[in-house]
C-alpha atoms as a PDB file:
ATOM      1  CA  UNK A   1      17.562  25.234  10.279  1.00  0.00           C
ATOM      2  CA  UNK A   2      14.217  27.644   9.247  1.00  0.00           C
ATOM      3  CA  UNK A   3      13.568  30.838  10.970  1.00  0.00           C
ATOM      4  CA  UNK A   4      10.153  30.625  10.745  1.00  0.00           C
ATOM      5  CA  UNK A   5       8.282  29.560  14.486  1.00  0.00           C
ATOM      6  CA  UNK A   6       5.991  27.305  12.754  1.00  0.00           C
ATOM      7  CA  UNK A   7       7.917  25.574  10.728  1.00  0.00           C
ATOM      8  CA  UNK A   8      10.873  24.847  13.466  1.00  0.00           C
ATOM      9  CA  UNK A   9       7.931  23.441  15.840  1.00  0.00           C
ATOM     10  CA  UNK A  10       7.058  21.357  12.124  1.00  0.00           C
ATOM     11  CA  UNK A  11      10.774  19.668  11.580  1.00  0.00           C
ATOM     12  CA  UNK A  12      10.777  18.763  15.256  1.00  0.00           C
ATOM     13  CA  UNK A  13       7.333  17.349  14.778  1.00  0.00           C
ATOM     14  CA  UNK A  14       8.916  15.792  11.929  1.00  0.00           C
ATOM     15  CA  UNK A  15      11.906  14.127  13.587  1.00  0.00           C
ATOM     16  CA  UNK A  16      10.110  13.036  16.761  1.00  0.00           C
ATOM     17  CA  UNK A  17       7.332  10.882  14.270  1.00  0.00           C
ATOM     18  CA  UNK A  18      10.192   9.843  12.366  1.00  0.00           C
ATOM     19  CA  UNK A  19      11.575   8.333  15.736  1.00  0.00           C
ATOM     20  CA  UNK A  20       8.785   6.961  16.479  1.00  0.00           C
ATOM     21  CA  UNK A  21       8.051   5.213  13.315  1.00  0.00           C
ATOM     22  CA  UNK A  22      11.367   3.774  12.849  1.00  0.00           C
ATOM     23  CA  UNK A  23      11.291   2.275  16.627  1.00  0.00           C
ATOM     24  CA  UNK A  24       7.478   0.893  15.474  1.00  0.00           C
ATOM     25  CA  UNK A  25       9.376  -1.118  12.890  1.00  0.00           C
ATOM     26  CA  UNK A  26      11.817  -2.255  14.286  1.00  0.00           C
ATOM     27  CA  UNK A  27      10.084  -3.408  17.238  1.00  0.00           C
ATOM     28  CA  UNK A  28       7.504  -4.967  14.335  1.00  0.00           C
ATOM     29  CA  UNK A  29      10.755  -6.697  13.015  1.00  0.00           C
ATOM     30  CA  UNK A  30      11.933  -8.489  16.361  1.00  0.00           C
ATOM     31  CA  UNK A  31       8.207  -9.519  16.912  1.00  0.00           C
ATOM     32  CA  UNK A  32       8.056 -11.312  13.790  1.00  0.00           C
ATOM     33  CA  UNK A  33      11.843 -12.734  13.704  1.00  0.00           C
ATOM     34  CA  UNK A  34      10.970 -13.975  17.663  1.00  0.00           C
ATOM     35  CA  UNK A  35       7.328 -16.187  15.913  1.00  0.00           C
ATOM     36  CA  UNK A  36       9.908 -17.372  12.617  1.00  0.00           C
ATOM     37  CA  UNK A  37      12.376 -18.630  14.789  1.00  0.00           C
ATOM     38  CA  UNK A  38       9.002 -20.239  17.171  1.00  0.00           C
ATOM     39  CA  UNK A  39       7.754 -21.662  13.765  1.00  0.00           C
ATOM     40  CA  UNK A  40      11.480 -23.199  13.268  1.00  0.00           C
ATOM     41  CA  UNK A  41      11.348 -24.706  16.981  1.00  0.00           C
ATOM     42  CA  UNK A  42       8.213 -26.249  15.909  1.00  0.00           C
ATOM     43  CA  UNK A  43       6.224 -25.782  19.864  1.00  0.00           C
ATOM     44  CA  UNK A  44       2.561 -25.208  18.236  1.00  0.00           C
ATOM     45  CA  UNK A  45       2.042 -23.501  21.978  1.00  0.00           C
ATOM     46  CA  UNK A  46       5.210 -20.538  21.695  1.00  0.00           C
ATOM     47  CA  UNK A  47       4.099 -20.381  18.002  1.00  0.00           C
ATOM     48  CA  UNK A  48       0.332 -19.231  18.623  1.00  0.00           C
ATOM     49  CA  UNK A  49       1.314 -17.128  20.821  1.00  0.00           C
ATOM     50  CA  UNK A  50       4.427 -15.284  19.292  1.00  0.00           C
ATOM     51  CA  UNK A  51       2.551 -15.217  16.152  1.00  0.00           C
ATOM     52  CA  UNK A  52      -0.448 -13.440  17.741  1.00  0.00           C
ATOM     53  CA  UNK A  53       2.183 -10.884  19.789  1.00  0.00           C
ATOM     54  CA  UNK A  54       3.050 -10.165  16.205  1.00  0.00           C
ATOM     55  CA  UNK A  55      -0.057  -9.642  14.980  1.00  0.00           C
ATOM     56  CA  UNK A  56      -1.172  -7.142  17.818  1.00  0.00           C
ATOM     57  CA  UNK A  57       1.907  -5.063  17.096  1.00  0.00           C
ATOM     58  CA  UNK A  58       1.422  -4.883  13.261  1.00  0.00           C
ATOM     59  CA  UNK A  59      -2.312  -3.957  13.540  1.00  0.00           C
ATOM     60  CA  UNK A  60      -1.315  -1.697  16.159  1.00  0.00           C
ATOM     61  CA  UNK A  61       1.389   0.073  14.248  1.00  0.00           C
ATOM     62  CA  UNK A  62      -1.218   0.312  10.982  1.00  0.00           C
ATOM     63  CA  UNK A  63      -4.179   1.966  13.065  1.00  0.00           C
ATOM     64  CA  UNK A  64      -1.808   5.018  14.046  1.00  0.00           C
ATOM     65  CA  UNK A  65      -0.846   4.897  10.525  1.00  0.00           C
ATOM     66  CA  UNK A  66       2.779   3.625  10.821  1.00  0.00           C
ATOM     67  CA  UNK A  67       2.309   1.393   7.660  1.00  0.00           C
ATOM     68  CA  UNK A  68      -0.041   0.764   5.448  1.00  0.00           C
ATOM     69  CA  UNK A  69      -3.330  -1.420   6.597  1.00  0.00           C
ATOM     70  CA  UNK A  70      -2.900  -3.546   3.130  1.00  0.00           C
ATOM     71  CA  UNK A  71       0.267  -3.780   3.930  1.00  0.00           C
ATOM     72  CA  UNK A  72      -0.183  -4.937   8.122  1.00  0.00           C
ATOM     73  CA  UNK A  73      -3.055  -7.200   6.024  1.00  0.00           C
ATOM     74  CA  UNK A  74      -0.178  -8.892   3.512  1.00  0.00           C
ATOM     75  CA  UNK A  75       2.741  -9.038   6.201  1.00  0.00           C
ATOM     76  CA  UNK A  76      -0.032 -10.790   8.558  1.00  0.00           C
ATOM     77  CA  UNK A  77      -1.473 -13.244   6.086  1.00  0.00           C
ATOM     78  CA  UNK A  78       2.062 -14.116   5.071  1.00  0.00           C
ATOM     79  CA  UNK A  79       2.847 -14.782   8.796  1.00  0.00           C
ATOM     80  CA  UNK A  80      -0.527 -16.669   9.150  1.00  0.00           C
ATOM     81  CA  UNK A  81       0.618 -19.049   5.753  1.00  0.00           C
ATOM     82  CA  UNK A  82       3.728 -19.733   7.391  1.00  0.00           C
ATOM     83  CA  UNK A  83       2.531 -20.432  10.930  1.00  0.00           C
ATOM     84  CA  UNK A  84      -0.245 -22.849   9.429  1.00  0.00           C
ATOM     85  CA  UNK A  85       2.540 -24.753   7.352  1.00  0.00           C
ATOM     86  CA  UNK A  86       4.423 -25.186  10.308  1.00  0.00           C
ATOM     87  CA  UNK A  87       2.053 -26.875  12.202  1.00  0.00           C
ATOM     88  CA  UNK A  88       1.845 -29.352   9.758  1.00  0.00           C
END
């Protein structure tokens, strides 16, 4: 553990951010998993709702800087492609 007060604060902030980042990334995975499950079930209305919710969570994570904006765009794009294939 560091002795300098400002470094102690930095370590604390780093831990808090790390915990937040892990929680949000887990949330993203959960919502994407729900969307994929809805796609597999084949219900168009439920799929649309699940994809919308997952997209929202991904956008919020990118906005907060937890994931890169291009990574968010890539994840949303892949999810939309899967959703559109599931509709056909």
